[in-house]
PDB file of N, CA and C in Angstrom:
ATOM      1  N   MET A   1       3.523  26.419  13.720  1.00  0.00           N
ATOM      2  CA  MET A   1       4.671  25.522  13.612  1.00  0.00           C
ATOM      3  C   MET A   1       5.917  26.279  14.063  1.00  0.00           C
ATOM      4  N   ASN A   2       6.860  25.593  14.815  1.00  0.00           N
ATOM      5  CA  ASN A   2       8.024  26.091  15.015  1.00  0.00           C
ATOM      6  C   ASN A   2       9.064  25.963  13.908  1.00  0.00           C
ATOM      7  N   ALA A   3      10.192  26.490  14.084  1.00  0.00           N
ATOM      8  CA  ALA A   3      11.222  26.642  12.976  1.00  0.00           C
ATOM      9  C   ALA A   3      11.578  25.237  12.373  1.00  0.00           C
ATOM     10  N   THR A   4      11.679  24.255  13.255  1.00  0.00           N
ATOM     11  CA  THR A   4      12.101  22.839  12.786  1.00  0.00           C
ATOM     12  C   THR A   4      10.944  22.305  12.068  1.00  0.00           C
ATOM     13  N   GLN A   5       9.718  22.395  12.541  1.00  0.00           N
ATOM     14  CA  GLN A   5       8.672  21.981  11.716  1.00  0.00           C
ATOM     15  C   GLN A   5       8.487  22.696  10.380  1.00  0.00           C
ATOM     16  N   ARG A   6       8.636  24.045  10.384  1.00  0.00           N
ATOM     17  CA  ARG A   6       8.623  24.813   9.110  1.00  0.00           C
ATOM     18  C   ARG A   6       9.544  24.318   8.116  1.00  0.00           C
ATOM     19  N   ARG A   7      10.724  24.041   8.508  1.00  0.00           N
ATOM     20  CA  ARG A   7      11.778  23.397   7.672  1.00  0.00           C
ATOM     21  C   ARG A   7      11.310  22.119   7.067  1.00  0.00           C
ATOM     22  N   ALA A   8      10.789  21.357   7.912  1.00  0.00           N
ATOM     23  CA  ALA A   8      10.378  20.022   7.476  1.00  0.00           C
ATOM     24  C   ALA A   8       9.151  20.195   6.423  1.00  0.00           C
ATOM     25  N   PHE A   9       8.295  21.033   6.663  1.00  0.00           N
ATOM     26  CA  PHE A   9       7.233  21.269   5.816  1.00  0.00           C
ATOM     27  C   PHE A   9       7.609  21.866   4.578  1.00  0.00           C
ATOM     28  N   GLU A  10       8.676  22.799   4.554  1.00  0.00           N
ATOM     29  CA  GLU A  10       9.180  23.272   3.276  1.00  0.00           C
ATOM     30  C   GLU A  10       9.918  22.284   2.502  1.00  0.00           C
ATOM     31  N   ARG A  11      10.789  21.377   3.198  1.00  0.00           N
ATOM     32  CA  ARG A  11      11.438  20.245   2.316  1.00  0.00           C
ATOM     33  C   ARG A  11      10.530  19.245   1.867  1.00  0.00           C
ATOM     34  N   LEU A  12       9.505  18.895   2.535  1.00  0.00           N
ATOM     35  CA  LEU A  12       8.449  18.069   2.149  1.00  0.00           C
ATOM     36  C   LEU A  12       7.605  18.500   0.967  1.00  0.00           C
ATOM     37  N   LEU A  13       7.142  19.804   1.183  1.00  0.00           N
ATOM     38  CA  LEU A  13       6.568  20.378   0.002  1.00  0.00           C
ATOM     39  C   LEU A  13       7.286  20.535  -1.281  1.00  0.00           C
ATOM     40  N   ALA A  14       8.614  20.972  -1.148  1.00  0.00           N
ATOM     41  CA  ALA A  14       9.485  20.958  -2.303  1.00  0.00           C
ATOM     42  C   ALA A  14       9.645  19.512  -2.872  1.00  0.00           C
ATOM     43  N   HIS A  15       9.783  18.547  -2.028  1.00  0.00           N
ATOM     44  CA  HIS A  15       9.744  17.078  -2.589  1.00  0.00           C
ATOM     45  C   HIS A  15       8.486  16.806  -3.359  1.00  0.00           C
ATOM     46  N   ALA A  16       7.280  17.048  -2.756  1.00  0.00           N
ATOM     47  CA  ALA A  16       6.153  16.769  -3.307  1.00  0.00           C
ATOM     48  C   ALA A  16       5.914  17.497  -4.676  1.00  0.00           C
ATOM     49  N   LEU A  17       6.392  18.642  -4.846  1.00  0.00           N
ATOM     50  CA  LEU A  17       6.226  19.501  -5.985  1.00  0.00           C
ATOM     51  C   LEU A  17       7.259  19.151  -7.097  1.00  0.00           C
ATOM     52  N   SER A  18       8.248  18.197  -6.769  1.00  0.00           N
ATOM     53  CA  SER A  18       9.240  17.873  -7.737  1.00  0.00           C
ATOM     54  C   SER A  18       8.740  16.702  -8.722  1.00  0.00           C
ATOM     55  N   TYR A  19       7.452  16.221  -8.434  1.00  0.00           N
ATOM     56  CA  TYR A  19       6.955  15.083  -9.263  1.00  0.00           C
ATOM     57  C   TYR A  19       6.385  15.766 -10.540  1.00  0.00           C
ATOM     58  N   PRO A  20       6.298  14.941 -11.668  1.00  0.00           N
ATOM     59  CA  PRO A  20       5.725  15.436 -12.846  1.00  0.00           C
ATOM     60  C   PRO A  20       4.293  15.940 -12.659  1.00  0.00           C
ATOM     61  N   ASP A  21       4.068  17.196 -13.173  1.00  0.00           N
ATOM     62  CA  ASP A  21       2.599  17.811 -13.218  1.00  0.00           C
ATOM     63  C   ASP A  21       2.140  18.038 -11.716  1.00  0.00           C
ATOM     64  N   ALA A  22       3.055  17.923 -10.747  1.00  0.00           N
ATOM     65  CA  ALA A  22       2.515  18.166  -9.396  1.00  0.00           C
ATOM     66  C   ALA A  22       2.432  19.803  -9.125  1.00  0.00           C
ATOM     67  N   TRP A  23       1.398  20.174  -8.346  1.00  0.00           N
ATOM     68  CA  TRP A  23       1.198  21.641  -8.149  1.00  0.00           C
ATOM     69  C   TRP A  23       0.682  21.813  -6.796  1.00  0.00           C
ATOM     70  N   GLU A  24       0.928  23.122  -6.239  1.00  0.00           N
ATOM     71  CA  GLU A  24       0.315  23.406  -4.904  1.00  0.00           C
ATOM     72  C   GLU A  24      -0.982  24.042  -4.873  1.00  0.00           C
ATOM     73  N   ASP A  25      -1.805  23.682  -3.889  1.00  0.00           N
ATOM     74  CA  ASP A  25      -3.163  24.268  -3.808  1.00  0.00           C
ATOM     75  C   ASP A  25      -3.457  24.370  -2.293  1.00  0.00           C
ATOM     76  N   HIS A  26      -4.466  25.232  -1.970  1.00  0.00           N
ATOM     77  CA  HIS A  26      -4.781  25.484  -0.587  1.00  0.00           C
ATOM     78  C   HIS A  26      -6.249  25.414  -0.228  1.00  0.00           C
ATOM     79  N   PRO A  27      -6.823  24.364  -0.373  1.00  0.00           N
ATOM     80  CA  PRO A  27      -8.277  24.053  -0.067  1.00  0.00           C
ATOM     81  C   PRO A  27      -8.330  23.927   1.460  1.00  0.00           C
ATOM     82  N   TRP A  28      -9.409  24.191   2.057  1.00  0.00           N
ATOM     83  CA  TRP A  28      -9.617  23.871   3.500  1.00  0.00           C
ATOM     84  C   TRP A  28      -8.588  24.415   4.390  1.00  0.00           C
ATOM     85  N   ASP A  29      -7.962  25.405   4.153  1.00  0.00           N
ATOM     86  CA  ASP A  29      -6.954  26.047   4.935  1.00  0.00           C
ATOM     87  C   ASP A  29      -5.713  25.158   5.295  1.00  0.00           C
ATOM     88  N   GLU A  30      -5.485  24.269   4.312  1.00  0.00           N
ATOM     89  CA  GLU A  30      -4.377  23.471   4.369  1.00  0.00           C
ATOM     90  C   GLU A  30      -3.555  23.598   3.060  1.00  0.00           C
ATOM     91  N   THR A  31      -2.354  23.246   3.124  1.00  0.00           N
ATOM     92  CA  THR A  31      -1.530  23.161   1.758  1.00  0.00           C
ATOM     93  C   THR A  31      -1.513  21.618   1.459  1.00  0.00           C
ATOM     94  N   VAL A  32      -1.836  21.519   0.084  1.00  0.00           N
ATOM     95  CA  VAL A  32      -1.931  20.127  -0.542  1.00  0.00           C
ATOM     96  C   VAL A  32      -1.120  20.139  -1.763  1.00  0.00           C
ATOM     97  N   ALA A  33      -0.610  19.069  -2.164  1.00  0.00           N
ATOM     98  CA  ALA A  33      -0.009  18.765  -3.316  1.00  0.00           C
ATOM     99  C   ALA A  33      -0.933  17.908  -4.087  1.00  0.00           C
ATOM    100  N   LYS A  34      -0.958  18.351  -5.409  1.00  0.00           N
ATOM    101  CA  LYS A  34      -1.951  17.655  -6.415  1.00  0.00           C
ATOM    102  C   LYS A  34      -1.310  17.226  -7.688  1.00  0.00           C
ATOM    103  N   VAL A  35      -1.853  16.149  -8.335  1.00  0.00           N
ATOM    104  CA  VAL A  35      -1.487  15.974  -9.671  1.00  0.00           C
ATOM    105  C   VAL A  35      -2.761  15.876 -10.442  1.00  0.00           C
ATOM    106  N   GLY A  36      -2.894  16.720 -11.402  1.00  0.00           N
ATOM    107  CA  GLY A  36      -4.202  16.919 -12.023  1.00  0.00           C
ATOM    108  C   GLY A  36      -5.077  17.537 -10.964  1.00  0.00           C
ATOM    109  N   LYS A  37      -6.254  16.996 -10.840  1.00  0.00           N
ATOM    110  CA  LYS A  37      -7.204  17.629  -9.754  1.00  0.00           C
ATOM    111  C   LYS A  37      -7.133  16.689  -8.480  1.00  0.00           C
ATOM    112  N   LYS A  38      -6.255  15.623  -8.433  1.00  0.00           N
ATOM    113  CA  LYS A  38      -6.260  14.722  -7.317  1.00  0.00           C
ATOM    114  C   LYS A  38      -5.094  15.148  -6.266  1.00  0.00           C
ATOM    115  N   VAL A  39      -5.628  15.104  -5.044  1.00  0.00           N
ATOM    116  CA  VAL A  39      -4.496  15.498  -3.954  1.00  0.00           C
ATOM    117  C   VAL A  39      -3.898  14.158  -3.697  1.00  0.00           C
ATOM    118  N   PHE A  40      -2.409  14.318  -3.606  1.00  0.00           N
ATOM    119  CA  PHE A  40      -1.728  13.195  -3.155  1.00  0.00           C
ATOM    120  C   PHE A  40      -0.865  13.457  -1.900  1.00  0.00           C
ATOM    121  N   VAL A  41      -0.982  14.641  -1.204  1.00  0.00           N
ATOM    122  CA  VAL A  41      -0.467  14.880   0.089  1.00  0.00           C
ATOM    123  C   VAL A  41      -1.177  16.121   0.658  1.00  0.00           C
ATOM    124  N   PHE A  42      -1.506  16.063   1.862  1.00  0.00           N
ATOM    125  CA  PHE A  42      -2.083  17.062   2.686  1.00  0.00           C
ATOM    126  C   PHE A  42      -1.035  17.452   3.706  1.00  0.00           C
ATOM    127  N   MET A  43      -0.818  18.765   3.995  1.00  0.00           N
ATOM    128  CA  MET A  43       0.212  19.137   4.905  1.00  0.00           C
ATOM    129  C   MET A  43      -0.438  20.333   5.662  1.00  0.00           C
ATOM    130  N   GLY A  44      -0.166  20.353   6.897  1.00  0.00           N
ATOM    131  CA  GLY A  44      -0.651  21.497   7.670  1.00  0.00           C
ATOM    132  C   GLY A  44      -0.185  21.349   9.238  1.00  0.00           C
ATOM    133  N   GLY A  45      -0.592  22.185  10.038  1.00  0.00           N
ATOM    134  CA  GLY A  45      -0.221  22.107  11.299  1.00  0.00           C
ATOM    135  C   GLY A  45      -0.743  23.446  12.084  1.00  0.00           C
ATOM    136  N   GLY A  46      -0.690  23.303  13.439  1.00  0.00           N
ATOM    137  CA  GLY A  46      -1.142  24.459  14.300  1.00  0.00           C
ATOM    138  C   GLY A  46       0.093  25.048  14.919  1.00  0.00           C
ATOM    139  N   PRO A  47      -0.066  25.751  15.954  1.00  0.00           N
ATOM    140  CA  PRO A  47       1.003  26.474  16.534  1.00  0.00           C
ATOM    141  C   PRO A  47       2.098  25.426  17.161  1.00  0.00           C
ATOM    142  N   ASP A  48       1.631  24.361  17.543  1.00  0.00           N
ATOM    143  CA  ASP A  48       2.458  23.382  18.309  1.00  0.00           C
ATOM    144  C   ASP A  48       2.649  21.961  17.595  1.00  0.00           C
ATOM    145  N   ASP A  49       2.132  21.900  16.399  1.00  0.00           N
ATOM    146  CA  ASP A  49       2.288  20.517  15.676  1.00  0.00           C
ATOM    147  C   ASP A  49       2.408  20.717  14.281  1.00  0.00           C
ATOM    148  N   PHE A  50       2.859  19.588  13.588  1.00  0.00           N
ATOM    149  CA  PHE A  50       2.949  19.534  12.065  1.00  0.00           C
ATOM    150  C   PHE A  50       2.341  18.148  11.644  1.00  0.00           C
ATOM    151  N   GLY A  51       1.618  18.153  10.616  1.00  0.00           N
ATOM    152  CA  GLY A  51       1.162  16.857  10.207  1.00  0.00           C
ATOM    153  C   GLY A  51       1.048  16.685   8.645  1.00  0.00           C
ATOM    154  N   ILE A  52       1.066  15.431   8.286  1.00  0.00           N
ATOM    155  CA  ILE A  52       0.999  15.170   6.807  1.00  0.00           C
ATOM    156  C   ILE A  52       0.099  13.938   6.615  1.00  0.00           C
ATOM    157  N   SER A  53      -0.687  13.910   5.582  1.00  0.00           N
ATOM    158  CA  SER A  53      -1.526  12.911   5.228  1.00  0.00           C
ATOM    159  C   SER A  53      -1.275  12.347   3.824  1.00  0.00           C
ATOM    160  N   VAL A  54      -1.171  11.108   3.581  1.00  0.00           N
ATOM    161  CA  VAL A  54      -0.774  10.582   2.428  1.00  0.00           C
ATOM    162  C   VAL A  54      -1.484   9.296   2.139  1.00  0.00           C
ATOM    163  N   LYS A  55      -1.788   8.793   0.900  1.00  0.00           N
ATOM    164  CA  LYS A  55      -2.389   7.542   0.522  1.00  0.00           C
ATOM    165  C   LYS A  55      -1.422   6.573   0.381  1.00  0.00           C
ATOM    166  N   LEU A  56      -1.486   5.494   1.259  1.00  0.00           N
ATOM    167  CA  LEU A  56      -0.569   4.313   1.394  1.00  0.00           C
ATOM    168  C   LEU A  56      -1.286   2.939   1.183  1.00  0.00           C
ATOM    169  N   PRO A  57      -1.438   2.678  -0.087  1.00  0.00           N
ATOM    170  CA  PRO A  57      -2.150   1.317  -0.188  1.00  0.00           C
ATOM    171  C   PRO A  57      -1.198   0.184   0.047  1.00  0.00           C
ATOM    172  N   GLU A  58       0.140   0.318  -0.169  1.00  0.00           N
ATOM    173  CA  GLU A  58       0.996  -0.747  -0.002  1.00  0.00           C
ATOM    174  C   GLU A  58       1.611  -0.828   1.459  1.00  0.00           C
ATOM    175  N   SER A  59       1.932   0.321   1.929  1.00  0.00           N
ATOM    176  CA  SER A  59       2.518   0.295   3.270  1.00  0.00           C
ATOM    177  C   SER A  59       1.719   0.858   4.448  1.00  0.00           C
ATOM    178  N   ASN A  60       0.412   0.691   4.134  1.00  0.00           N
ATOM    179  CA  ASN A  60      -0.530   1.351   5.121  1.00  0.00           C
ATOM    180  C   ASN A  60      -0.423   0.579   6.518  1.00  0.00           C
ATOM    181  N   GLU A  61      -0.455  -0.744   6.616  1.00  0.00           N
ATOM    182  CA  GLU A  61      -0.203  -1.397   7.683  1.00  0.00           C
ATOM    183  C   GLU A  61       0.938  -1.151   8.546  1.00  0.00           C
ATOM    184  N   PHE A  62       2.166  -1.101   7.833  1.00  0.00           N
ATOM    185  CA  PHE A  62       3.351  -0.816   8.320  1.00  0.00           C
ATOM    186  C   PHE A  62       3.335   0.748   8.946  1.00  0.00           C
ATOM    187  N   ALA A  63       2.741   1.676   8.349  1.00  0.00           N
ATOM    188  CA  ALA A  63       2.672   3.082   8.641  1.00  0.00           C
ATOM    189  C   ALA A  63       1.872   3.128   9.870  1.00  0.00           C
ATOM    190  N   LEU A  64       0.734   2.485   9.917  1.00  0.00           N
ATOM    191  CA  LEU A  64      -0.178   2.529  11.005  1.00  0.00           C
ATOM    192  C   LEU A  64       0.298   1.941  12.353  1.00  0.00           C
ATOM    193  N   GLY A  65       1.349   1.272  12.121  1.00  0.00           N
ATOM    194  CA  GLY A  65       1.988   0.576  13.334  1.00  0.00           C
ATOM    195  C   GLY A  65       2.951   1.557  14.193  1.00  0.00           C
ATOM    196  N   MET A  66       3.140   2.701  13.525  1.00  0.00           N
ATOM    197  CA  MET A  66       3.897   3.689  14.183  1.00  0.00           C
ATOM    198  C   MET A  66       3.179   4.647  15.145  1.00  0.00           C
ATOM    199  N   ASP A  67       3.811   4.971  16.254  1.00  0.00           N
ATOM    200  CA  ASP A  67       3.065   5.768  17.320  1.00  0.00           C
ATOM    201  C   ASP A  67       2.688   7.192  16.874  1.00  0.00           C
ATOM    202  N   PHE A  68       3.196   7.672  15.751  1.00  0.00           N
ATOM    203  CA  PHE A  68       2.793   9.026  15.357  1.00  0.00           C
ATOM    204  C   PHE A  68       1.741   9.084  14.158  1.00  0.00           C
ATOM    205  N   THR A  69       1.127   7.843  13.927  1.00  0.00           N
ATOM    206  CA  THR A  69       0.271   7.914  12.859  1.00  0.00           C
ATOM    207  C   THR A  69      -1.239   7.481  13.276  1.00  0.00           C
ATOM    208  N   ALA A  70      -2.159   7.794  12.271  1.00  0.00           N
ATOM    209  CA  ALA A  70      -3.523   7.283  12.665  1.00  0.00           C
ATOM    210  C   ALA A  70      -4.223   7.185  11.304  1.00  0.00           C
ATOM    211  N   PRO A  71      -5.262   6.589  11.153  1.00  0.00           N
ATOM    212  CA  PRO A  71      -6.011   6.699   9.824  1.00  0.00           C
ATOM    213  C   PRO A  71      -6.538   8.079   9.657  1.00  0.00           C
ATOM    214  N   THR A  72      -6.486   8.582   8.408  1.00  0.00           N
ATOM    215  CA  THR A  72      -6.864  10.021   8.169  1.00  0.00           C
ATOM    216  C   THR A  72      -8.385  10.095   8.426  1.00  0.00           C
ATOM    217  N   GLY A  73      -8.931  11.078   9.056  1.00  0.00           N
ATOM    218  CA  GLY A  73     -10.291  11.387   9.183  1.00  0.00           C
ATOM    219  C   GLY A  73     -11.078  11.615   7.992  1.00  0.00           C
ATOM    220  N   TYR A  74     -12.334  11.989   8.289  1.00  0.00           N
ATOM    221  CA  TYR A  74     -13.389  12.170   7.233  1.00  0.00           C
ATOM    222  C   TYR A  74     -13.554  10.961   6.284  1.00  0.00           C
ATOM    223  N   GLY A  75     -13.383   9.768   6.756  1.00  0.00           N
ATOM    224  CA  GLY A  75     -13.586   8.602   5.955  1.00  0.00           C
ATOM    225  C   GLY A  75     -12.376   8.193   5.058  1.00  0.00           C
ATOM    226  N   LEU A  76     -11.409   9.082   4.965  1.00  0.00           N
ATOM    227  CA  LEU A  76     -10.244   8.830   4.183  1.00  0.00           C
ATOM    228  C   LEU A  76      -9.445   7.627   4.464  1.00  0.00           C
ATOM    229  N   GLY A  77      -9.445   7.412   5.761  1.00  0.00           N
ATOM    230  CA  GLY A  77      -8.693   6.192   6.352  1.00  0.00           C
ATOM    231  C   GLY A  77      -9.099   4.949   5.804  1.00  0.00           C
ATOM    232  N   ARG A  78     -10.424   4.719   5.526  1.00  0.00           N
ATOM    233  CA  ARG A  78     -10.873   3.631   4.929  1.00  0.00           C
ATOM    234  C   ARG A  78     -10.337   3.403   3.527  1.00  0.00           C
ATOM    235  N   ALA A  79      -9.995   4.418   2.909  1.00  0.00           N
ATOM    236  CA  ALA A  79      -9.427   4.366   1.473  1.00  0.00           C
ATOM    237  C   ALA A  79      -7.839   4.239   1.401  1.00  0.00           C
ATOM    238  N   GLY A  80      -7.306   4.060   2.624  1.00  0.00           N
ATOM    239  CA  GLY A  80      -5.858   3.845   2.774  1.00  0.00           C
ATOM    240  C   GLY A  80      -5.009   5.106   3.114  1.00  0.00           C
ATOM    241  N   TRP A  81      -5.651   6.235   3.448  1.00  0.00           N
ATOM    242  CA  TRP A  81      -4.982   7.415   3.819  1.00  0.00           C
ATOM    243  C   TRP A  81      -4.559   7.360   5.276  1.00  0.00           C
ATOM    244  N   VAL A  82      -3.310   7.861   5.520  1.00  0.00           N
ATOM    245  CA  VAL A  82      -2.769   7.761   6.768  1.00  0.00           C
ATOM    246  C   VAL A  82      -2.178   9.120   7.213  1.00  0.00           C
ATOM    247  N   THR A  83      -2.387   9.561   8.395  1.00  0.00           N
ATOM    248  CA  THR A  83      -1.929  10.928   8.885  1.00  0.00           C
ATOM    249  C   THR A  83      -0.934  10.643   9.832  1.00  0.00           C
ATOM    250  N   ALA A  84       0.167  11.398   9.674  1.00  0.00           N
ATOM    251  CA  ALA A  84       1.390  11.471  10.682  1.00  0.00           C
ATOM    252  C   ALA A  84       1.278  12.815  11.365  1.00  0.00           C
ATOM    253  N   THR A  85       1.355  12.770  12.632  1.00  0.00           N
ATOM    254  CA  THR A  85       1.399  14.023  13.383  1.00  0.00           C
ATOM    255  C   THR A  85       2.537  14.164  14.283  1.00  0.00           C
ATOM    256  N   PHE A  86       3.228  15.443  14.290  1.00  0.00           N
ATOM    257  CA  PHE A  86       4.478  15.539  15.012  1.00  0.00           C
ATOM    258  C   PHE A  86       4.189  16.790  16.004  1.00  0.00           C
ATOM    259  N   PRO A  87       4.217  16.473  17.288  1.00  0.00           N
ATOM    260  CA  PRO A  87       4.074  17.540  18.134  1.00  0.00           C
ATOM    261  C   PRO A  87       5.557  18.340  18.243  1.00  0.00           C
ATOM    262  N   LYS A  88       5.388  19.690  18.766  1.00  0.00           N
ATOM    263  CA  LYS A  88       6.727  20.396  18.864  1.00  0.00           C
ATOM    264  C   LYS A  88       7.704  19.638  19.630  1.00  0.00           C
ATOM    265  N   GLY A  89       8.931  19.575  19.171  1.00  0.00           N
ATOM    266  CA  GLY A  89      10.105  18.840  19.837  1.00  0.00           C
ATOM    267  C   GLY A  89      10.206  17.437  19.373  1.00  0.00           C
ATOM    268  N   SER A  90       9.402  16.890  18.592  1.00  0.00           N
ATOM    269  CA  SER A  90       9.403  15.497  18.118  1.00  0.00           C
ATOM    270  C   SER A  90      10.344  15.495  16.822  1.00  0.00           C
ATOM    271  N   LYS A  91      10.985  14.313  16.585  1.00  0.00           N
ATOM    272  CA  LYS A  91      11.885  14.100  15.504  1.00  0.00           C
ATOM    273  C   LYS A  91      10.918  13.825  14.351  1.00  0.00           C
ATOM    274  N   ILE A  92      11.071  14.458  13.233  1.00  0.00           N
ATOM    275  CA  ILE A  92      10.302  14.241  11.944  1.00  0.00           C
ATOM    276  C   ILE A  92      11.116  13.562  10.991  1.00  0.00           C
ATOM    277  N   PRO A  93      10.723  12.184  10.624  1.00  0.00           N
ATOM    278  CA  PRO A  93      11.522  11.369   9.863  1.00  0.00           C
ATOM    279  C   PRO A  93      11.313  11.762   8.252  1.00  0.00           C
ATOM    280  N   ILE A  94      12.126  12.745   7.893  1.00  0.00           N
ATOM    281  CA  ILE A  94      11.845  13.259   6.520  1.00  0.00           C
ATOM    282  C   ILE A  94      12.101  12.240   5.485  1.00  0.00           C
ATOM    283  N   ASP A  95      13.101  11.280   5.476  1.00  0.00           N
ATOM    284  CA  ASP A  95      13.286  10.331   4.360  1.00  0.00           C
ATOM    285  C   ASP A  95      12.043   9.457   4.371  1.00  0.00           C
ATOM    286  N   LEU A  96      11.630   9.018   5.485  1.00  0.00           N
ATOM    287  CA  LEU A  96      10.382   8.100   5.498  1.00  0.00           C
ATOM    288  C   LEU A  96       9.243   8.880   4.934  1.00  0.00           C
ATOM    289  N   LEU A  97       8.955   9.950   5.405  1.00  0.00           N
ATOM    290  CA  LEU A  97       7.811  10.692   4.814  1.00  0.00           C
ATOM    291  C   LEU A  97       8.001  11.006   3.269  1.00  0.00           C
ATOM    292  N   CYS A  98       9.325  11.191   2.806  1.00  0.00           N
ATOM    293  CA  CYS A  98       9.386  11.360   1.269  1.00  0.00           C
ATOM    294  C   CYS A  98       9.000  10.050   0.659  1.00  0.00           C
ATOM    295  N   ASP A  99       9.456   8.812   1.221  1.00  0.00           N
ATOM    296  CA  ASP A  99       9.006   7.658   0.621  1.00  0.00           C
ATOM    297  C   ASP A  99       7.497   7.496   0.428  1.00  0.00           C
ATOM    298  N   TRP A 100       6.839   7.896   1.622  1.00  0.00           N
ATOM    299  CA  TRP A 100       5.351   7.862   1.695  1.00  0.00           C
ATOM    300  C   TRP A 100       4.818   8.800   0.613  1.00  0.00           C
ATOM    301  N   ILE A 101       5.277  10.021   0.365  1.00  0.00           N
ATOM    302  CA  ILE A 101       4.768  10.896  -0.637  1.00  0.00           C
ATOM    303  C   ILE A 101       4.952  10.368  -1.959  1.00  0.00           C
ATOM    304  N   ASP A 102       6.102   9.561  -2.134  1.00  0.00           N
ATOM    305  CA  ASP A 102       6.356   8.851  -3.427  1.00  0.00           C
ATOM    306  C   ASP A 102       5.171   7.842  -3.722  1.00  0.00           C
ATOM    307  N   GLU A 103       4.957   7.065  -2.710  1.00  0.00           N
ATOM    308  CA  GLU A 103       3.848   6.054  -2.760  1.00  0.00           C
ATOM    309  C   GLU A 103       2.636   6.773  -3.062  1.00  0.00           C
ATOM    310  N   SER A 104       2.178   7.850  -2.494  1.00  0.00           N
ATOM    311  CA  SER A 104       0.925   8.448  -2.547  1.00  0.00           C
ATOM    312  C   SER A 104       0.840   9.057  -3.991  1.00  0.00           C
ATOM    313  N   TYR A 105       1.887   9.688  -4.433  1.00  0.00           N
ATOM    314  CA  TYR A 105       1.838  10.127  -5.888  1.00  0.00           C
ATOM    315  C   TYR A 105       1.678   9.032  -6.933  1.00  0.00           C
ATOM    316  N   ARG A 106       2.460   8.042  -6.776  1.00  0.00           N
ATOM    317  CA  ARG A 106       2.304   6.921  -7.733  1.00  0.00           C
ATOM    318  C   ARG A 106       0.960   6.239  -7.634  1.00  0.00           C
ATOM    319  N   THR A 107       0.262   6.299  -6.489  1.00  0.00           N
ATOM    320  CA  THR A 107      -1.067   5.786  -6.315  1.00  0.00           C
ATOM    321  C   THR A 107      -2.156   6.562  -6.962  1.00  0.00           C
ATOM    322  N   VAL A 108      -1.975   7.917  -7.036  1.00  0.00           N
ATOM    323  CA  VAL A 108      -3.040   8.821  -7.560  1.00  0.00           C
ATOM    324  C   VAL A 108      -2.878   9.333  -8.874  1.00  0.00           C
ATOM    325  N   ALA A 109      -1.442   9.415  -9.311  1.00  0.00           N
ATOM    326  CA  ALA A 109      -1.170   9.937 -10.558  1.00  0.00           C
ATOM    327  C   ALA A 109      -1.595   9.037 -11.750  1.00  0.00           C
ATOM    328  N   PRO A 110      -1.845   9.685 -12.944  1.00  0.00           N
ATOM    329  CA  PRO A 110      -2.048   8.825 -14.149  1.00  0.00           C
ATOM    330  C   PRO A 110      -0.950   8.083 -14.475  1.00  0.00           C
ATOM    331  N   LYS A 111      -1.102   6.849 -15.041  1.00  0.00           N
ATOM    332  CA  LYS A 111      -0.113   5.902 -15.443  1.00  0.00           C
ATOM    333  C   LYS A 111       1.077   6.500 -16.304  1.00  0.00           C
ATOM    334  N   LYS A 112       0.697   7.445 -17.197  1.00  0.00           N
ATOM    335  CA  LYS A 112       1.616   8.066 -17.949  1.00  0.00           C
ATOM    336  C   LYS A 112       2.720   8.849 -17.226  1.00  0.00           C
ATOM    337  N   LEU A 113       2.030   9.550 -16.157  1.00  0.00           N
ATOM    338  CA  LEU A 113       3.069  10.266 -15.337  1.00  0.00           C
ATOM    339  C   LEU A 113       4.062   9.411 -14.496  1.00  0.00           C
ATOM    340  N   VAL A 114       3.406   8.290 -14.006  1.00  0.00           N
ATOM    341  CA  VAL A 114       4.256   7.343 -13.306  1.00  0.00           C
ATOM    342  C   VAL A 114       5.326   6.793 -14.049  1.00  0.00           C
ATOM    343  N   LYS A 115       4.999   6.547 -15.324  1.00  0.00           N
ATOM    344  CA  LYS A 115       5.993   5.947 -16.336  1.00  0.00           C
ATOM    345  C   LYS A 115       7.149   7.044 -16.539  1.00  0.00           C
ATOM    346  N   ALA A 116       6.588   8.263 -16.741  1.00  0.00           N
ATOM    347  CA  ALA A 116       7.658   9.364 -16.936  1.00  0.00           C
ATOM    348  C   ALA A 116       8.491   9.549 -15.770  1.00  0.00           C
ATOM    349  N   LEU A 117       7.986   9.420 -14.536  1.00  0.00           N
ATOM    350  CA  LEU A 117       8.826   9.430 -13.282  1.00  0.00           C
ATOM    351  C   LEU A 117       9.860   8.269 -13.367  1.00  0.00           C
ATOM    352  N   ASP A 118       9.216   7.097 -13.561  1.00  0.00           N
ATOM    353  CA  ASP A 118      10.319   5.858 -13.610  1.00  0.00           C
ATOM    354  C   ASP A 118      11.393   6.177 -14.575  1.00  0.00           C
ATOM    355  N   GLU A 119      11.032   6.602 -15.762  1.00  0.00           N
ATOM    356  CA  GLU A 119      12.096   6.869 -16.731  1.00  0.00           C
ATOM    357  C   GLU A 119      12.943   7.966 -16.266  1.00  0.00           C
ATOM    358  N   ARG A 120      12.600   9.009 -15.661  1.00  0.00           N
ATOM    359  CA  ARG A 120      13.441  10.037 -15.110  1.00  0.00           C
ATOM    360  C   ARG A 120      14.426   9.585 -14.170  1.00  0.00           C
ATOM    361  N   GLU A 121      13.931   8.512 -13.275  1.00  0.00           N
ATOM    362  CA  GLU A 121      14.580   7.933 -12.202  1.00  0.00           C
ATOM    363  C   GLU A 121      15.518   6.691 -12.701  1.00  0.00           C
ATOM    364  N   GLY A 122      15.394   6.498 -13.911  1.00  0.00           N
ATOM    365  CA  GLY A 122      16.093   5.209 -14.390  1.00  0.00           C
ATOM    366  C   GLY A 122      15.519   3.891 -13.927  1.00  0.00           C
ATOM    367  N   LEU A 123      14.165   3.941 -13.663  1.00  0.00           N
ATOM    368  CA  LEU A 123      13.490   2.723 -13.035  1.00  0.00           C
ATOM    369  C   LEU A 123      12.843   2.004 -14.274  1.00  0.00           C
ATOM    370  N   ALA A 124      12.619   2.564 -15.397  1.00  0.00           N
ATOM    371  CA  ALA A 124      11.861   2.000 -16.532  1.00  0.00           C
ATOM    372  C   ALA A 124      12.868   1.368 -17.542  1.00  0.00           C
TER     373      ALA A 124
END
């Protein structure tokens, strides 16, 4: 990852870890954010790219219409997971990815944690 991609990675990881009971793990040589034992975001990249995978049951079709996305491999795409990949030099839409992280968290987190999040954000 280059410096721009590294900054995006750090911002997105910090955002993911701001959710109730979210924590960082490193299976499969990737960085993931989990709630309990469930992954809600995969993040990684090679020397020339950066990628993120999230579960998007509501905005899946919209997300897959973008030129930087594809269904996540290993059969996860069938379950609503989307991977966004950004080669070196491409613009990374941080706000959009934060929205997708939010949707993914709300999809996999226990209902009591989603309720706590809604209360924290004044949505309940």
